[in-house]
Amino acid sequence: MSLPMVLLPVFVEVALTFALLFWNKRRGQATDAADEFGLPTLFYALIAIALPLRHADLVIVLLSWVFVVTRFVNAGFVRGADKRGLAWTASALVLLAMWLYFALKMLLLI
C-alpha cells in the first residue's frame, strides 16, 4: 500500500483526538483520557510497527478505516450514536483483529 493510503486514517484519528480535546475543553467538560488515548495508542503503535516492516497491506488499511469510523461513532459525531459502549467495543474488536492479523503475518512470515 502507498504511504498516503496507510497514513490517512492515522491523520484522521489524530484530528479526531485533538478535536475532542479542544471541543470538550471549550464546553467545560472533562475528557476521558482512557477512552481518547487507550485504543488510539494501540492503533498508532500498530501502524508505526507495520509501516517500516512493509506489512501495512490492504487489510490493515481497510481495518484502519473501520477503526476510525467506530471512533467517530464513539465520539458521538454521528447522529443517533447514543450507544457509545457498543461503539467502543466495536473499535476494540477491530483493533484486536488488526493486531491478530499483523501478529500472524509476522509470526508465519506471510
Foldseek 3Di string as FASTA:
>chain_A
DDPCLLCVLVVLLVVVLVCVVVVCVVVVHDDDCCLSPVLNVLLVVLSVVCVVVVNCDPLNSVLSVVLSVLSCLLSVVDPPSPPNVVSSVSSVVSSVVNVVVVVCCVVVVD
